[in-house]
Structure formats: structure tokens, C-alpha cells
Amino acid sequence: MTRYEIDSSETRYQNGSNSTVLANSLGITNPSEMNDIEAILLTKLYEKIFTANTPEPDSCSFEDISTWHRQWLGNVYEWAGKIRNVDMGKAGFQFTSDSQMHKQT
């Protein structure tokens, strides 16, 4: 590894997934299965957020979003809810990176 490469849990793939599924604590190697798990967990988070006393959308903080992300995927991915160190995307959708957040402020 050179000094310009990043080796973190965000960049590793699950063994046996042919580099199609990120390393996860569930051992899932099939992308369709991972998509289903993420969707189910997101539905559960939505139910929790929208049935609880949560902040109005205009008043959500970075901490709120980080907490929700950790609650959504924290049992699946080690990096859930943390500021990422790499640019990530899924199915052609690029997630906001730390560098993009700094450009907006």
C-alpha cells in the first residue's frame, strides 16, 4: 500500500462477494440480499423517526443525521454514522463526501 491509498472498512469488500458487497458484519455476499436488508432496516428507521418526537426537518442537525445513519446501518457496517474518509456511491448515486460538505460551508 502506498501512502496515497486508503485502507479502511469503508473500502473493503465482503469476502466471497466478488467485490460487489461492502464488508459487513452479517457476512452477506449477495448484492440483492444486501439491498433488501438495507431497505428493511431503513423502513424500520423511518417508522421509529416518524412515530417518535423528532426534530422538525428544518431543525435537523448533523448529529441527528449521523445518529439516524448509525441506527439504520450500525449493525451492518462498522463505519455507519461516522464521517467517511472516502467518496462513496451506490447504483450511480454519489453520496455527499466530507470534502463536499466543507465546500458548502
PDB file of N, CA and C in Angstrom:
ATOM      1  N   MET A   1       0.854  -1.180   0.000  1.00  0.00           N
ATOM      2  CA  MET A   1       0.000   0.000   0.000  1.00  0.00           C
ATOM      3  C   MET A   1       0.896   1.237   0.000  1.00  0.00           C
ATOM      4  N   THR A   2       0.591   2.193  -0.864  1.00  0.00           N
ATOM      5  CA  THR A   2       1.347   3.436  -0.880  1.00  0.00           C
ATOM      6  C   THR A   2       0.711   4.415   0.080  1.00  0.00           C
ATOM      7  N   ARG A   3       1.372   5.510   0.309  1.00  0.00           N
ATOM      8  CA  ARG A   3       0.825   6.500   1.242  1.00  0.00           C
ATOM      9  C   ARG A   3      -0.408   7.202   0.704  1.00  0.00           C
ATOM     10  N   TYR A   4      -0.745   6.989  -0.559  1.00  0.00           N
ATOM     11  CA  TYR A   4      -1.903   7.644  -1.162  1.00  0.00           C
ATOM     12  C   TYR A   4      -3.136   6.750  -1.220  1.00  0.00           C
ATOM     13  N   GLU A   5      -3.033   5.524  -0.779  1.00  0.00           N
ATOM     14  CA  GLU A   5      -4.167   4.615  -0.776  1.00  0.00           C
ATOM     15  C   GLU A   5      -4.827   4.624   0.591  1.00  0.00           C
ATOM     16  N   ILE A   6      -6.107   4.371   0.612  1.00  0.00           N
ATOM     17  CA  ILE A   6      -6.842   4.300   1.871  1.00  0.00           C
ATOM     18  C   ILE A   6      -7.234   2.858   2.103  1.00  0.00           C
ATOM     19  N   ASP A   7      -6.934   2.373   3.289  1.00  0.00           N
ATOM     20  CA  ASP A   7      -7.331   1.029   3.673  1.00  0.00           C
ATOM     21  C   ASP A   7      -8.178   1.158   4.926  1.00  0.00           C
ATOM     22  N   SER A   8      -9.471   1.166   4.749  1.00  0.00           N
ATOM     23  CA  SER A   8     -10.381   1.271   5.881  1.00  0.00           C
ATOM     24  C   SER A   8     -11.575   0.365   5.622  1.00  0.00           C
ATOM     25  N   SER A   9     -12.399   0.219   6.620  1.00  0.00           N
ATOM     26  CA  SER A   9     -13.583  -0.629   6.462  1.00  0.00           C
ATOM     27  C   SER A   9     -14.501  -0.105   5.371  1.00  0.00           C
ATOM     28  N   GLU A  10     -14.395   1.177   5.061  1.00  0.00           N
ATOM     29  CA  GLU A  10     -15.226   1.772   4.006  1.00  0.00           C
ATOM     30  C   GLU A  10     -14.827   1.293   2.613  1.00  0.00           C
ATOM     31  N   THR A  11     -13.604   0.834   2.463  1.00  0.00           N
ATOM     32  CA  THR A  11     -13.091   0.474   1.138  1.00  0.00           C
ATOM     33  C   THR A  11     -12.976  -1.026   0.930  1.00  0.00           C
ATOM     34  N   ARG A  12     -13.303  -1.816   1.925  1.00  0.00           N
ATOM     35  CA  ARG A  12     -13.163  -3.263   1.812  1.00  0.00           C
ATOM     36  C   ARG A  12     -14.475  -3.916   1.380  1.00  0.00           C
ATOM     37  N   TYR A  13     -14.316  -4.973   0.593  1.00  0.00           N
ATOM     38  CA  TYR A  13     -15.471  -5.753   0.171  1.00  0.00           C
ATOM     39  C   TYR A  13     -15.572  -7.027   0.996  1.00  0.00           C
ATOM     40  N   GLN A  14     -16.770  -7.541   1.088  1.00  0.00           N
ATOM     41  CA  GLN A  14     -17.013  -8.791   1.811  1.00  0.00           C
ATOM     42  C   GLN A  14     -16.356  -9.944   1.056  1.00  0.00           C
ATOM     43  N   ASN A  15     -15.609 -10.768   1.768  1.00  0.00           N
ATOM     44  CA  ASN A  15     -15.017 -11.955   1.146  1.00  0.00           C
ATOM     45  C   ASN A  15     -16.120 -12.795   0.513  1.00  0.00           C
ATOM     46  N   GLY A  16     -15.865 -13.246  -0.710  1.00  0.00           N
ATOM     47  CA  GLY A  16     -16.825 -14.083  -1.422  1.00  0.00           C
ATOM     48  C   GLY A  16     -17.868 -13.320  -2.210  1.00  0.00           C
ATOM     49  N   SER A  17     -17.789 -11.964  -2.205  1.00  0.00           N
ATOM     50  CA  SER A  17     -18.804 -11.175  -2.919  1.00  0.00           C
ATOM     51  C   SER A  17     -18.346 -10.731  -4.302  1.00  0.00           C
ATOM     52  N   ASN A  18     -17.156 -11.143  -4.714  1.00  0.00           N
ATOM     53  CA  ASN A  18     -16.608 -10.694  -5.999  1.00  0.00           C
ATOM     54  C   ASN A  18     -16.590  -9.177  -6.107  1.00  0.00           C
ATOM     55  N   SER A  19     -16.260  -8.521  -5.002  1.00  0.00           N
ATOM     56  CA  SER A  19     -16.166  -7.050  -4.938  1.00  0.00           C
ATOM     57  C   SER A  19     -17.484  -6.362  -5.308  1.00  0.00           C
ATOM     58  N   THR A  20     -18.599  -6.943  -4.867  1.00  0.00           N
ATOM     59  CA  THR A  20     -19.910  -6.344  -5.152  1.00  0.00           C
ATOM     60  C   THR A  20     -20.653  -5.919  -3.893  1.00  0.00           C
ATOM     61  N   VAL A  21     -20.183  -6.356  -2.713  1.00  0.00           N
ATOM     62  CA  VAL A  21     -20.834  -6.011  -1.452  1.00  0.00           C
ATOM     63  C   VAL A  21     -19.750  -5.555  -0.482  1.00  0.00           C
ATOM     64  N   LEU A  22     -19.978  -4.408   0.154  1.00  0.00           N
ATOM     65  CA  LEU A  22     -19.014  -3.911   1.125  1.00  0.00           C
ATOM     66  C   LEU A  22     -18.926  -4.842   2.326  1.00  0.00           C
ATOM     67  N   ALA A  23     -17.750  -4.868   2.957  1.00  0.00           N
ATOM     68  CA  ALA A  23     -17.553  -5.694   4.144  1.00  0.00           C
ATOM     69  C   ALA A  23     -18.640  -5.374   5.164  1.00  0.00           C
ATOM     70  N   ASN A  24     -19.238  -6.409   5.705  1.00  0.00           N
ATOM     71  CA  ASN A  24     -20.352  -6.215   6.629  1.00  0.00           C
ATOM     72  C   ASN A  24     -20.335  -7.263   7.721  1.00  0.00           C
ATOM     73  N   SER A  25     -20.950  -6.934   8.833  1.00  0.00           N
ATOM     74  CA  SER A  25     -20.943  -7.824   9.996  1.00  0.00           C
ATOM     75  C   SER A  25     -21.905  -8.998   9.857  1.00  0.00           C
ATOM     76  N   LEU A  26     -22.742  -8.972   8.836  1.00  0.00           N
ATOM     77  CA  LEU A  26     -23.705 -10.055   8.630  1.00  0.00           C
ATOM     78  C   LEU A  26     -23.162 -11.154   7.725  1.00  0.00           C
ATOM     79  N   GLY A  27     -22.021 -10.898   7.080  1.00  0.00           N
ATOM     80  CA  GLY A  27     -21.435 -11.883   6.184  1.00  0.00           C
ATOM     81  C   GLY A  27     -22.174 -12.022   4.863  1.00  0.00           C
ATOM     82  N   ILE A  28     -22.965 -11.039   4.504  1.00  0.00           N
ATOM     83  CA  ILE A  28     -23.750 -11.089   3.267  1.00  0.00           C
ATOM     84  C   ILE A  28     -22.832 -10.865   2.073  1.00  0.00           C
ATOM     85  N   THR A  29     -22.980 -11.706   1.048  1.00  0.00           N
ATOM     86  CA  THR A  29     -22.156 -11.599  -0.152  1.00  0.00           C
ATOM     87  C   THR A  29     -22.974 -11.302  -1.401  1.00  0.00           C
ATOM     88  N   ASN A  30     -24.273 -11.402  -1.305  1.00  0.00           N
ATOM     89  CA  ASN A  30     -25.157 -11.194  -2.460  1.00  0.00           C
ATOM     90  C   ASN A  30     -25.687  -9.762  -2.456  1.00  0.00           C
ATOM     91  N   PRO A  31     -25.443  -8.991  -3.546  1.00  0.00           N
ATOM     92  CA  PRO A  31     -25.899  -7.593  -3.575  1.00  0.00           C
ATOM     93  C   PRO A  31     -27.409  -7.429  -3.406  1.00  0.00           C
ATOM     94  N   SER A  32     -28.193  -8.310  -3.984  1.00  0.00           N
ATOM     95  CA  SER A  32     -29.649  -8.210  -3.856  1.00  0.00           C
ATOM     96  C   SER A  32     -30.088  -8.418  -2.413  1.00  0.00           C
ATOM     97  N   GLU A  33     -29.462  -9.369  -1.759  1.00  0.00           N
ATOM     98  CA  GLU A  33     -29.786  -9.616  -0.353  1.00  0.00           C
ATOM     99  C   GLU A  33     -29.414  -8.401   0.500  1.00  0.00           C
ATOM    100  N   MET A  34     -28.242  -7.791   0.210  1.00  0.00           N
ATOM    101  CA  MET A  34     -27.830  -6.608   0.974  1.00  0.00           C
ATOM    102  C   MET A  34     -28.790  -5.451   0.720  1.00  0.00           C
ATOM    103  N   ASN A  35     -29.211  -5.268  -0.525  1.00  0.00           N
ATOM    104  CA  ASN A  35     -30.187  -4.210  -0.826  1.00  0.00           C
ATOM    105  C   ASN A  35     -31.475  -4.420  -0.039  1.00  0.00           C
ATOM    106  N   ASP A  36     -31.928  -5.670   0.026  1.00  0.00           N
ATOM    107  CA  ASP A  36     -33.151  -5.976   0.776  1.00  0.00           C
ATOM    108  C   ASP A  36     -32.978  -5.672   2.263  1.00  0.00           C
ATOM    109  N   ILE A  37     -31.850  -6.080   2.839  1.00  0.00           N
ATOM    110  CA  ILE A  37     -31.586  -5.835   4.259  1.00  0.00           C
ATOM    111  C   ILE A  37     -31.570  -4.330   4.533  1.00  0.00           C
ATOM    112  N   GLU A  38     -30.857  -3.572   3.694  1.00  0.00           N
ATOM    113  CA  GLU A  38     -30.787  -2.122   3.884  1.00  0.00           C
ATOM    114  C   GLU A  38     -32.170  -1.483   3.790  1.00  0.00           C
ATOM    115  N   ALA A  39     -32.994  -1.943   2.841  1.00  0.00           N
ATOM    116  CA  ALA A  39     -34.343  -1.389   2.682  1.00  0.00           C
ATOM    117  C   ALA A  39     -35.223  -1.701   3.890  1.00  0.00           C
ATOM    118  N   ILE A  40     -35.147  -2.913   4.397  1.00  0.00           N
ATOM    119  CA  ILE A  40     -35.929  -3.295   5.578  1.00  0.00           C
ATOM    120  C   ILE A  40     -35.514  -2.453   6.777  1.00  0.00           C
ATOM    121  N   LEU A  41     -34.203  -2.320   6.976  1.00  0.00           N
ATOM    122  CA  LEU A  41     -33.706  -1.528   8.102  1.00  0.00           C
ATOM    123  C   LEU A  41     -34.072  -0.052   7.961  1.00  0.00           C
ATOM    124  N   LEU A  42     -34.083   0.460   6.729  1.00  0.00           N
ATOM    125  CA  LEU A  42     -34.472   1.858   6.506  1.00  0.00           C
ATOM    126  C   LEU A  42     -35.950   2.058   6.821  1.00  0.00           C
ATOM    127  N   THR A  43     -36.785   1.111   6.455  1.00  0.00           N
ATOM    128  CA  THR A  43     -38.206   1.190   6.781  1.00  0.00           C
ATOM    129  C   THR A  43     -38.407   1.222   8.291  1.00  0.00           C
ATOM    130  N   LYS A  44     -37.660   0.381   9.005  1.00  0.00           N
ATOM    131  CA  LYS A  44     -37.758   0.381  10.471  1.00  0.00           C
ATOM    132  C   LYS A  44     -37.315   1.710  11.068  1.00  0.00           C
ATOM    133  N   LEU A  45     -36.263   2.297  10.501  1.00  0.00           N
ATOM    134  CA  LEU A  45     -35.808   3.601  10.984  1.00  0.00           C
ATOM    135  C   LEU A  45     -36.858   4.665  10.707  1.00  0.00           C
ATOM    136  N   TYR A  46     -37.434   4.670   9.516  1.00  0.00           N
ATOM    137  CA  TYR A  46     -38.499   5.631   9.190  1.00  0.00           C
ATOM    138  C   TYR A  46     -39.639   5.527  10.190  1.00  0.00           C
ATOM    139  N   GLU A  47     -40.047   4.293  10.487  1.00  0.00           N
ATOM    140  CA  GLU A  47     -41.136   4.092  11.442  1.00  0.00           C
ATOM    141  C   GLU A  47     -40.769   4.673  12.806  1.00  0.00           C
ATOM    142  N   LYS A  48     -39.543   4.455  13.240  1.00  0.00           N
ATOM    143  CA  LYS A  48     -39.090   4.970  14.524  1.00  0.00           C
ATOM    144  C   LYS A  48     -39.050   6.494  14.523  1.00  0.00           C
ATOM    145  N   ILE A  49     -38.484   7.070  13.480  1.00  0.00           N
ATOM    146  CA  ILE A  49     -38.327   8.528  13.416  1.00  0.00           C
ATOM    147  C   ILE A  49     -39.683   9.225  13.334  1.00  0.00           C
ATOM    148  N   PHE A  50     -40.556   8.731  12.486  1.00  0.00           N
ATOM    149  CA  PHE A  50     -41.814   9.431  12.247  1.00  0.00           C
ATOM    150  C   PHE A  50     -42.898   9.124  13.260  1.00  0.00           C
ATOM    151  N   THR A  51     -42.648   8.169  14.152  1.00  0.00           N
ATOM    152  CA  THR A  51     -43.622   7.924  15.219  1.00  0.00           C
ATOM    153  C   THR A  51     -43.114   8.451  16.552  1.00  0.00           C
ATOM    154  N   ALA A  52     -41.867   8.892  16.583  1.00  0.00           N
ATOM    155  CA  ALA A  52     -41.284   9.445  17.811  1.00  0.00           C
ATOM    156  C   ALA A  52     -41.326  10.965  17.760  1.00  0.00           C
ATOM    157  N   ASN A  53     -41.016  11.579  18.860  1.00  0.00           N
ATOM    158  CA  ASN A  53     -40.947  13.028  18.931  1.00  0.00           C
ATOM    159  C   ASN A  53     -39.578  13.455  18.399  1.00  0.00           C
ATOM    160  N   THR A  54     -39.492  13.719  17.098  1.00  0.00           N
ATOM    161  CA  THR A  54     -38.223  14.066  16.464  1.00  0.00           C
ATOM    162  C   THR A  54     -38.239  15.517  16.013  1.00  0.00           C
ATOM    163  N   PRO A  55     -37.054  16.081  15.773  1.00  0.00           N
ATOM    164  CA  PRO A  55     -36.991  17.483  15.334  1.00  0.00           C
ATOM    165  C   PRO A  55     -37.703  17.694  14.005  1.00  0.00           C
ATOM    166  N   GLU A  56     -38.198  18.895  13.812  1.00  0.00           N
ATOM    167  CA  GLU A  56     -38.774  19.259  12.518  1.00  0.00           C
ATOM    168  C   GLU A  56     -37.671  19.192  11.467  1.00  0.00           C
ATOM    169  N   PRO A  57     -38.004  18.897  10.201  1.00  0.00           N
ATOM    170  CA  PRO A  57     -36.979  18.776   9.158  1.00  0.00           C
ATOM    171  C   PRO A  57     -36.050  19.984   9.059  1.00  0.00           C
ATOM    172  N   ASP A  58     -36.556  21.188   9.294  1.00  0.00           N
ATOM    173  CA  ASP A  58     -35.714  22.372   9.196  1.00  0.00           C
ATOM    174  C   ASP A  58     -34.726  22.481  10.349  1.00  0.00           C
ATOM    175  N   SER A  59     -34.935  21.714  11.398  1.00  0.00           N
ATOM    176  CA  SER A  59     -34.065  21.839  12.562  1.00  0.00           C
ATOM    177  C   SER A  59     -33.188  20.607  12.790  1.00  0.00           C
ATOM    178  N   CYS A  60     -33.128  19.699  11.832  1.00  0.00           N
ATOM    179  CA  CYS A  60     -32.271  18.522  11.977  1.00  0.00           C
ATOM    180  C   CYS A  60     -30.812  18.945  11.907  1.00  0.00           C
ATOM    181  N   SER A  61     -30.035  18.420  12.821  1.00  0.00           N
ATOM    182  CA  SER A  61     -28.615  18.747  12.868  1.00  0.00           C
ATOM    183  C   SER A  61     -27.799  17.630  12.220  1.00  0.00           C
ATOM    184  N   PHE A  62     -26.535  17.908  12.010  1.00  0.00           N
ATOM    185  CA  PHE A  62     -25.617  16.890  11.518  1.00  0.00           C
ATOM    186  C   PHE A  62     -25.604  15.701  12.474  1.00  0.00           C
ATOM    187  N   GLU A  63     -25.643  15.990  13.762  1.00  0.00           N
ATOM    188  CA  GLU A  63     -25.645  14.926  14.762  1.00  0.00           C
ATOM    189  C   GLU A  63     -26.886  14.043  14.649  1.00  0.00           C
ATOM    190  N   ASP A  64     -28.051  14.672  14.356  1.00  0.00           N
ATOM    191  CA  ASP A  64     -29.275  13.889  14.156  1.00  0.00           C
ATOM    192  C   ASP A  64     -29.099  12.917  12.992  1.00  0.00           C
ATOM    193  N   ILE A  65     -28.592  13.416  11.885  1.00  0.00           N
ATOM    194  CA  ILE A  65     -28.426  12.584  10.690  1.00  0.00           C
ATOM    195  C   ILE A  65     -27.400  11.486  10.940  1.00  0.00           C
ATOM    196  N   SER A  66     -26.308  11.821  11.605  1.00  0.00           N
ATOM    197  CA  SER A  66     -25.295  10.803  11.935  1.00  0.00           C
ATOM    198  C   SER A  66     -25.883   9.715  12.826  1.00  0.00           C
ATOM    199  N   THR A  67     -26.677  10.127  13.805  1.00  0.00           N
ATOM    200  CA  THR A  67     -27.325   9.168  14.698  1.00  0.00           C
ATOM    201  C   THR A  67     -28.270   8.266  13.928  1.00  0.00           C
ATOM    202  N   TRP A  68     -29.072   8.851  13.049  1.00  0.00           N
ATOM    203  CA  TRP A  68     -30.001   8.048  12.246  1.00  0.00           C
ATOM    204  C   TRP A  68     -29.247   7.071  11.354  1.00  0.00           C
ATOM    205  N   HIS A  69     -28.161   7.521  10.748  1.00  0.00           N
ATOM    206  CA  HIS A  69     -27.376   6.640   9.886  1.00  0.00           C
ATOM    207  C   HIS A  69     -26.809   5.472  10.695  1.00  0.00           C
ATOM    208  N   ARG A  70     -26.325   5.754  11.900  1.00  0.00           N
ATOM    209  CA  ARG A  70     -25.798   4.700  12.773  1.00  0.00           C
ATOM    210  C   ARG A  70     -26.923   3.746  13.188  1.00  0.00           C
ATOM    211  N   GLN A  71     -28.111   4.296  13.501  1.00  0.00           N
ATOM    212  CA  GLN A  71     -29.236   3.440  13.882  1.00  0.00           C
ATOM    213  C   GLN A  71     -29.673   2.574  12.698  1.00  0.00           C
ATOM    214  N   TRP A  72     -29.616   3.129  11.506  1.00  0.00           N
ATOM    215  CA  TRP A  72     -30.032   2.405  10.302  1.00  0.00           C
ATOM    216  C   TRP A  72     -29.063   1.271   9.978  1.00  0.00           C
ATOM    217  N   LEU A  73     -27.768   1.567   9.885  1.00  0.00           N
ATOM    218  CA  LEU A  73     -26.808   0.608   9.363  1.00  0.00           C
ATOM    219  C   LEU A  73     -25.718   0.185  10.350  1.00  0.00           C
ATOM    220  N   GLY A  74     -25.815   0.633  11.587  1.00  0.00           N
ATOM    221  CA  GLY A  74     -24.769   0.349  12.559  1.00  0.00           C
ATOM    222  C   GLY A  74     -24.554  -1.120  12.858  1.00  0.00           C
ATOM    223  N   ASN A  75     -25.571  -1.943  12.710  1.00  0.00           N
ATOM    224  CA  ASN A  75     -25.413  -3.385  12.933  1.00  0.00           C
ATOM    225  C   ASN A  75     -24.906  -4.108  11.693  1.00  0.00           C
ATOM    226  N   VAL A  76     -24.741  -3.348  10.598  1.00  0.00           N
ATOM    227  CA  VAL A  76     -24.306  -3.938   9.333  1.00  0.00           C
ATOM    228  C   VAL A  76     -22.886  -3.501   8.975  1.00  0.00           C
ATOM    229  N   TYR A  77     -22.635  -2.198   9.071  1.00  0.00           N
ATOM    230  CA  TYR A  77     -21.344  -1.650   8.645  1.00  0.00           C
ATOM    231  C   TYR A  77     -20.639  -0.964   9.814  1.00  0.00           C
ATOM    232  N   GLU A  78     -19.360  -1.209   9.938  1.00  0.00           N
ATOM    233  CA  GLU A  78     -18.542  -0.620  11.003  1.00  0.00           C
ATOM    234  C   GLU A  78     -18.535   0.905  10.929  1.00  0.00           C
ATOM    235  N   TRP A  79     -18.612   1.465   9.741  1.00  0.00           N
ATOM    236  CA  TRP A  79     -18.475   2.907   9.535  1.00  0.00           C
ATOM    237  C   TRP A  79     -19.796   3.673   9.604  1.00  0.00           C
ATOM    238  N   ALA A  80     -20.875   3.013   9.841  1.00  0.00           N
ATOM    239  CA  ALA A  80     -22.183   3.687   9.840  1.00  0.00           C
ATOM    240  C   ALA A  80     -22.242   4.780  10.904  1.00  0.00           C
ATOM    241  N   GLY A  81     -22.684   5.956  10.506  1.00  0.00           N
ATOM    242  CA  GLY A  81     -22.829   7.083  11.422  1.00  0.00           C
ATOM    243  C   GLY A  81     -21.568   7.887  11.624  1.00  0.00           C
ATOM    244  N   LYS A  82     -20.480   7.471  11.001  1.00  0.00           N
ATOM    245  CA  LYS A  82     -19.205   8.181  11.134  1.00  0.00           C
ATOM    246  C   LYS A  82     -18.945   9.000   9.874  1.00  0.00           C
ATOM    247  N   ILE A  83     -18.121  10.034  10.016  1.00  0.00           N
ATOM    248  CA  ILE A  83     -17.713  10.805   8.847  1.00  0.00           C
ATOM    249  C   ILE A  83     -16.838   9.912   7.999  1.00  0.00           C
ATOM    250  N   ARG A  84     -17.183   9.827   6.714  1.00  0.00           N
ATOM    251  CA  ARG A  84     -16.434   8.915   5.855  1.00  0.00           C
ATOM    252  C   ARG A  84     -15.128   9.539   5.391  1.00  0.00           C
ATOM    253  N   ASN A  85     -14.206   8.659   5.050  1.00  0.00           N
ATOM    254  CA  ASN A  85     -12.888   9.068   4.590  1.00  0.00           C
ATOM    255  C   ASN A  85     -12.718   8.916   3.090  1.00  0.00           C
ATOM    256  N   VAL A  86     -13.715   8.343   2.434  1.00  0.00           N
ATOM    257  CA  VAL A  86     -13.641   8.090   1.000  1.00  0.00           C
ATOM    258  C   VAL A  86     -14.950   8.532   0.354  1.00  0.00           C
ATOM    259  N   ASP A  87     -14.895   8.815  -0.945  1.00  0.00           N
ATOM    260  CA  ASP A  87     -16.122   9.087  -1.686  1.00  0.00           C
ATOM    261  C   ASP A  87     -16.819   7.763  -1.942  1.00  0.00           C
ATOM    262  N   MET A  88     -18.131   7.750  -1.727  1.00  0.00           N
ATOM    263  CA  MET A  88     -18.901   6.524  -1.908  1.00  0.00           C
ATOM    264  C   MET A  88     -20.156   6.821  -2.704  1.00  0.00           C
ATOM    265  N   GLY A  89     -20.654   5.813  -3.377  1.00  0.00           N
ATOM    266  CA  GLY A  89     -21.896   5.921  -4.115  1.00  0.00           C
ATOM    267  C   GLY A  89     -22.501   4.551  -4.276  1.00  0.00           C
ATOM    268  N   LYS A  90     -23.742   4.536  -4.760  1.00  0.00           N
ATOM    269  CA  LYS A  90     -24.425   3.259  -4.969  1.00  0.00           C
ATOM    270  C   LYS A  90     -25.395   3.422  -6.120  1.00  0.00           C
ATOM    271  N   ALA A  91     -25.337   2.497  -7.046  1.00  0.00           N
ATOM    272  CA  ALA A  91     -26.244   2.478  -8.197  1.00  0.00           C
ATOM    273  C   ALA A  91     -26.258   3.818  -8.931  1.00  0.00           C
ATOM    274  N   GLY A  92     -25.082   4.409  -9.108  1.00  0.00           N
ATOM    275  CA  GLY A  92     -24.979   5.664  -9.837  1.00  0.00           C
ATOM    276  C   GLY A  92     -25.261   6.908  -9.018  1.00  0.00           C
ATOM    277  N   PHE A  93     -25.617   6.762  -7.737  1.00  0.00           N
ATOM    278  CA  PHE A  93     -25.884   7.906  -6.860  1.00  0.00           C
ATOM    279  C   PHE A  93     -24.662   8.133  -5.991  1.00  0.00           C
ATOM    280  N   GLN A  94     -24.071   9.331  -6.086  1.00  0.00           N
ATOM    281  CA  GLN A  94     -22.895   9.666  -5.300  1.00  0.00           C
ATOM    282  C   GLN A  94     -23.323  10.279  -3.975  1.00  0.00           C
ATOM    283  N   PHE A  95     -22.875   9.687  -2.859  1.00  0.00           N
ATOM    284  CA  PHE A  95     -23.179  10.222  -1.539  1.00  0.00           C
ATOM    285  C   PHE A  95     -22.306  11.439  -1.279  1.00  0.00           C
ATOM    286  N   THR A  96     -22.775  12.344  -0.461  1.00  0.00           N
ATOM    287  CA  THR A  96     -22.002  13.530  -0.117  1.00  0.00           C
ATOM    288  C   THR A  96     -20.773  13.113   0.676  1.00  0.00           C
ATOM    289  N   SER A  97     -19.631  13.623   0.253  1.00  0.00           N
ATOM    290  CA  SER A  97     -18.386  13.301   0.949  1.00  0.00           C
ATOM    291  C   SER A  97     -18.022  14.430   1.909  1.00  0.00           C
ATOM    292  N   ASP A  98     -17.075  14.153   2.771  1.00  0.00           N
ATOM    293  CA  ASP A  98     -16.600  15.142   3.715  1.00  0.00           C
ATOM    294  C   ASP A  98     -16.068  16.372   2.978  1.00  0.00           C
ATOM    295  N   SER A  99     -15.357  16.162   1.870  1.00  0.00           N
ATOM    296  CA  SER A  99     -14.812  17.293   1.115  1.00  0.00           C
ATOM    297  C   SER A  99     -15.923  18.142   0.507  1.00  0.00           C
ATOM    298  N   GLN A 100     -17.026  17.526   0.080  1.00  0.00           N
ATOM    299  CA  GLN A 100     -18.153  18.285  -0.461  1.00  0.00           C
ATOM    300  C   GLN A 100     -18.831  19.099   0.635  1.00  0.00           C
ATOM    301  N   MET A 101     -18.898  18.553   1.838  1.00  0.00           N
ATOM    302  CA  MET A 101     -19.519  19.270   2.956  1.00  0.00           C
ATOM    303  C   MET A 101     -18.723  20.533   3.279  1.00  0.00           C
ATOM    304  N   HIS A 102     -17.407  20.461   3.222  1.00  0.00           N
ATOM    305  CA  HIS A 102     -16.584  21.619   3.530  1.00  0.00           C
ATOM    306  C   HIS A 102     -16.705  22.701   2.461  1.00  0.00           C
ATOM    307  N   LYS A 103     -16.960  22.324   1.211  1.00  0.00           N
ATOM    308  CA  LYS A 103     -17.137  23.303   0.139  1.00  0.00           C
ATOM    309  C   LYS A 103     -18.405  24.106   0.321  1.00  0.00           C
ATOM    310  N   GLN A 104     -19.435  23.490   0.941  1.00  0.00           N
ATOM    311  CA  GLN A 104     -20.741  24.140   1.104  1.00  0.00           C
ATOM    312  C   GLN A 104     -20.750  25.109   2.256  1.00  0.00           C
ATOM    313  N   THR A 105     -19.820  25.007   3.187  1.00  0.00           N
ATOM    314  CA  THR A 105     -19.846  25.870   4.378  1.00  0.00           C
ATOM    315  C   THR A 105     -19.031  27.120   4.170  1.00  0.00           C
TER     316      THR A 105
END
